[in-house]
Amino acid sequence: MDNATGERAGYRRSTGSPRGEARRRELLAKITDDVAENGLVGFSLRRAARAAGTTHKVLLYHFESAEDLLRQVVFALRERRIGNALTAIAASPATLTDRVRAAWESLRDEETQLRRVLDQAMGLAMYDPGRYAALGHGASQQYLPTLVSFCPADWPERRKFEVASMILATLRGFLVDLLTSSDGAGAAAGFEALLRAVEREEALDTL
């Protein structure tokens, strides 16, 4: 990946004007669509510029570096995933168990390429944490608030965080299993066990 920054290359950075922000969002949307379709392998400022129909110098006017652009692309793709999950649970009953089931069905049925790209992002964070740590750290910060919001409103915040963290870590493992197994049977079986654990957690309130 390109590693040049706007400051190092001598490019003037965008000052965040409404017009500049609108242009930045337009560029980001085009590049995000390209990454969603073609993955992270071979990502660079020049590839991003081709996808956006511009030059890498223009990108460095709106983004700090290739890493900054990639971080924002991955953030946008995660937002798509979260939005899909929230849409799926909109008609679900109010129980945490039903919300987790609806969210999982959304994740399970999402485009394989989207799942693969987001897993590639986590792989980069593990392979080169010095350069791509933000891709990993940002994932939990982005997903956890949504999972916390699934929990009953009267639960203590610590309990919400613990249960949401359990669900997040487990679903991540199931998504990897779906990508690496031939039939997804392990993920399906494990998910039923997760639901039983969530049901037991909810049942504590009735004891």
Protein backbone atom coordinates (compact mmCIF):
# COMPACT_ATOMS: atom_id res chain seq x y z
CA MET A 1 0.00 0.00 0.00
CA ASP A 2 1.07 3.55 -0.62
CA ASN A 3 2.39 5.16 2.53
CA ALA A 4 2.67 8.80 1.47
CA THR A 5 0.96 11.45 3.53
CA GLY A 6 -0.31 14.81 2.39
CA GLU A 7 2.11 16.66 4.64
CA ARG A 8 5.13 14.66 3.55
CA ALA A 9 4.31 15.07 -0.14
CA GLY A 10 3.69 18.78 0.29
CA TYR A 11 0.00 18.68 -0.58
CA ARG A 12 -2.41 21.19 0.97
CA ARG A 13 -5.00 19.42 3.11
CA SER A 14 -8.75 19.99 2.89
CA THR A 15 -9.88 22.52 5.46
CA GLY A 16 -13.22 20.83 6.11
CA SER A 17 -15.40 23.34 4.27
CA PRO A 18 -18.94 22.16 3.40
CA ARG A 19 -17.93 21.86 -0.24
CA GLY A 20 -14.73 20.01 0.64
CA GLU A 21 -16.59 17.67 2.99
CA ALA A 22 -19.16 16.88 0.33
CA ARG A 23 -16.37 16.05 -2.12
CA ARG A 24 -14.63 13.90 0.47
CA ARG A 25 -17.82 11.90 1.08
CA GLU A 26 -18.31 11.47 -2.66
CA LEU A 27 -14.79 10.12 -3.12
CA LEU A 28 -15.09 7.87 -0.10
CA ALA A 29 -18.36 6.36 -1.34
CA LYS A 30 -16.82 5.45 -4.71
CA ILE A 31 -13.72 3.95 -3.13
CA THR A 32 -15.78 2.05 -0.58
CA ASP A 33 -17.83 0.49 -3.38
CA ASP A 34 -14.60 -0.54 -5.12
CA VAL A 35 -13.20 -2.18 -1.98
CA ALA A 36 -16.52 -3.90 -1.27
CA GLU A 37 -16.37 -5.44 -4.75
CA ASN A 38 -12.65 -6.11 -5.17
CA GLY A 39 -11.31 -6.56 -1.63
CA LEU A 40 -8.28 -5.14 0.10
CA VAL A 41 -5.56 -7.03 -1.75
CA GLY A 42 -3.54 -4.56 -3.79
CA PHE A 43 -5.22 -1.52 -2.26
CA SER A 44 -3.26 1.68 -2.88
CA LEU A 45 -3.85 5.38 -3.38
CA ARG A 46 -3.50 4.94 -7.12
CA ARG A 47 -6.03 2.12 -7.24
CA ALA A 48 -8.38 4.20 -5.08
CA ALA A 49 -7.88 7.18 -7.39
CA ARG A 50 -8.83 5.10 -10.43
CA ALA A 51 -11.98 3.88 -8.68
CA ALA A 52 -12.92 7.45 -7.75
CA GLY A 53 -12.07 8.87 -11.16
CA THR A 54 -9.46 11.26 -9.79
CA THR A 55 -5.74 11.39 -8.94
CA HIS A 56 -3.85 10.29 -5.85
CA LYS A 57 -2.89 13.94 -5.28
CA VAL A 58 -6.57 14.83 -4.96
CA LEU A 59 -7.03 12.01 -2.47
CA LEU A 60 -4.16 13.35 -0.38
CA TYR A 61 -5.93 16.69 -0.28
CA HIS A 62 -8.93 15.03 1.39
CA PHE A 63 -7.31 12.17 3.35
CA GLU A 64 -4.18 12.05 5.49
CA SER A 65 -2.68 8.93 3.92
CA ALA A 66 -3.48 5.57 2.34
CA GLU A 67 -3.93 4.17 5.86
CA ASP A 68 -6.35 6.94 6.80
CA LEU A 69 -8.36 6.34 3.64
CA LEU A 70 -8.43 2.60 4.24
CA ARG A 71 -9.53 3.12 7.84
CA GLN A 72 -12.43 5.27 6.69
CA VAL A 73 -13.40 2.75 3.99
CA VAL A 74 -13.47 -0.08 6.51
CA PHE A 75 -15.48 2.08 8.92
CA ALA A 76 -18.02 2.73 6.15
CA LEU A 77 -18.29 -0.98 5.34
CA ARG A 78 -18.85 -1.82 8.99
CA GLU A 79 -21.57 0.81 9.09
CA ARG A 80 -23.25 -1.00 6.20
CA ARG A 81 -23.11 -4.23 8.18
CA ILE A 82 -24.54 -2.58 11.28
CA GLY A 83 -27.28 -0.91 9.26
CA ASN A 84 -28.26 -4.24 7.72
CA ALA A 85 -28.42 -5.85 11.15
CA LEU A 86 -30.52 -3.03 12.61
CA THR A 87 -32.94 -3.31 9.70
CA ALA A 88 -33.21 -7.05 10.32
CA ILE A 89 -34.10 -6.63 13.99
CA ALA A 90 -36.55 -3.78 13.45
CA ALA A 91 -39.50 -6.19 13.30
CA SER A 92 -38.16 -8.56 15.95
CA PRO A 93 -39.65 -9.00 19.41
CA ALA A 94 -37.95 -7.04 22.16
CA THR A 95 -36.06 -9.93 23.75
CA LEU A 96 -32.29 -9.98 23.51
CA THR A 97 -32.38 -13.56 22.22
CA ASP A 98 -34.61 -12.65 19.28
CA ARG A 99 -32.51 -9.61 18.46
CA VAL A 100 -29.33 -11.68 18.43
CA ARG A 101 -30.97 -14.25 16.19
CA ALA A 102 -32.14 -11.61 13.73
CA ALA A 103 -28.72 -9.95 13.70
CA TRP A 104 -26.99 -13.27 13.08
CA GLU A 105 -29.30 -14.11 10.19
CA SER A 106 -28.37 -10.76 8.65
CA LEU A 107 -24.65 -11.48 9.12
CA ARG A 108 -24.99 -15.05 7.88
CA ASP A 109 -26.80 -14.00 4.73
CA GLU A 110 -24.74 -10.91 3.88
CA GLU A 111 -22.65 -10.89 0.72
CA THR A 112 -19.66 -13.19 1.06
CA GLN A 113 -17.39 -10.50 -0.38
CA LEU A 114 -18.36 -7.98 2.29
CA ARG A 115 -17.63 -10.54 4.99
CA ARG A 116 -14.32 -11.38 3.35
CA VAL A 117 -13.22 -7.75 3.08
CA LEU A 118 -13.95 -7.04 6.75
CA ASP A 119 -12.08 -10.18 7.76
CA GLN A 120 -9.16 -9.05 5.59
CA ALA A 121 -9.13 -5.80 7.52
CA MET A 122 -8.81 -7.69 10.81
CA GLY A 123 -6.07 -9.79 9.25
CA LEU A 124 -4.10 -6.66 8.38
CA ALA A 125 -4.45 -5.42 11.96
CA MET A 126 -2.99 -8.70 13.24
CA TYR A 127 -0.29 -8.97 10.56
CA ASP A 128 1.03 -5.41 10.90
CA PRO A 129 -0.39 -3.83 14.07
CA GLY A 130 2.10 -0.99 13.95
CA ARG A 131 0.58 0.23 10.71
CA TYR A 132 -3.00 -1.02 10.83
CA ALA A 133 -3.87 -1.21 14.52
CA ALA A 134 -6.77 1.19 14.00
CA LEU A 135 -8.50 -1.36 11.79
CA GLY A 136 -8.64 -3.76 14.71
CA HIS A 137 -9.22 -1.36 17.61
CA GLY A 138 -12.01 0.38 15.78
CA ALA A 139 -14.04 -2.78 15.23
CA SER A 140 -15.09 -3.34 18.83
CA GLN A 141 -15.68 0.37 19.38
CA GLN A 142 -17.98 0.37 16.35
CA TYR A 143 -19.92 -2.84 17.00
CA LEU A 144 -20.28 -2.88 20.77
CA PRO A 145 -22.66 0.10 21.15
CA THR A 146 -25.15 -1.62 18.85
CA LEU A 147 -24.95 -4.89 20.77
CA VAL A 148 -25.23 -3.05 24.08
CA SER A 149 -28.40 -1.40 22.76
CA PHE A 150 -29.90 -4.86 22.19
CA CYS A 151 -29.75 -5.58 25.95
CA PRO A 152 -32.66 -4.82 28.29
CA ALA A 153 -32.66 -1.15 29.24
CA ASP A 154 -32.82 -1.89 32.98
CA TRP A 155 -29.63 -3.95 33.04
CA PRO A 156 -26.59 -2.35 34.72
CA GLU A 157 -24.13 -0.94 32.20
CA ARG A 158 -21.42 -3.42 33.24
CA ARG A 159 -23.74 -6.35 32.60
CA LYS A 160 -24.70 -4.99 29.19
CA PHE A 161 -21.03 -4.61 28.30
CA GLU A 162 -20.16 -8.15 29.43
CA VAL A 163 -23.00 -9.80 27.53
CA ALA A 164 -22.45 -7.68 24.42
CA SER A 165 -18.73 -8.54 24.46
CA MET A 166 -19.54 -12.25 24.69
CA ILE A 167 -21.93 -12.01 21.76
CA LEU A 168 -19.49 -10.00 19.64
CA ALA A 169 -16.54 -12.33 20.20
CA THR A 170 -18.66 -15.41 19.49
CA LEU A 171 -20.27 -14.07 16.33
CA ARG A 172 -16.84 -13.07 15.02
CA GLY A 173 -15.73 -16.67 15.36
CA PHE A 174 -18.82 -17.93 13.57
CA LEU A 175 -18.21 -15.55 10.66
CA VAL A 176 -14.68 -16.89 10.25
CA ASP A 177 -16.08 -20.42 10.33
CA LEU A 178 -18.53 -19.58 7.55
CA LEU A 179 -15.66 -18.39 5.36
CA THR A 180 -13.42 -21.36 6.02
CA SER A 181 -15.81 -24.33 6.28
CA SER A 182 -17.59 -26.08 3.46
CA ASP A 183 -21.12 -26.08 4.87
CA GLY A 184 -21.25 -23.79 7.93
CA ALA A 185 -22.57 -26.59 10.12
CA GLY A 186 -20.21 -25.70 12.96
CA ALA A 187 -21.32 -22.09 13.00
CA ALA A 188 -24.98 -23.11 12.96
CA ALA A 189 -24.53 -25.52 15.86
CA GLY A 190 -22.44 -23.08 17.86
CA PHE A 191 -24.97 -20.32 17.34
CA GLU A 192 -27.74 -22.41 18.90
CA ALA A 193 -25.52 -22.85 21.97
CA LEU A 194 -24.94 -19.09 22.07
CA LEU A 195 -28.68 -18.49 22.01
CA ARG A 196 -29.13 -20.85 24.95
CA ALA A 197 -26.50 -18.89 26.87
CA VAL A 198 -28.27 -15.62 26.08
CA GLU A 199 -31.61 -17.11 27.11
CA ARG A 200 -30.13 -18.19 30.45
CA GLU A 201 -28.78 -14.69 30.95
CA GLU A 202 -32.22 -13.22 30.33
CA ALA A 203 -33.83 -15.82 32.60
CA LEU A 204 -31.79 -14.55 35.56
CA ASP A 205 -34.15 -11.57 35.69
CA THR A 206 -37.12 -13.84 36.41
CA LEU A 207 -35.56 -15.77 39.29
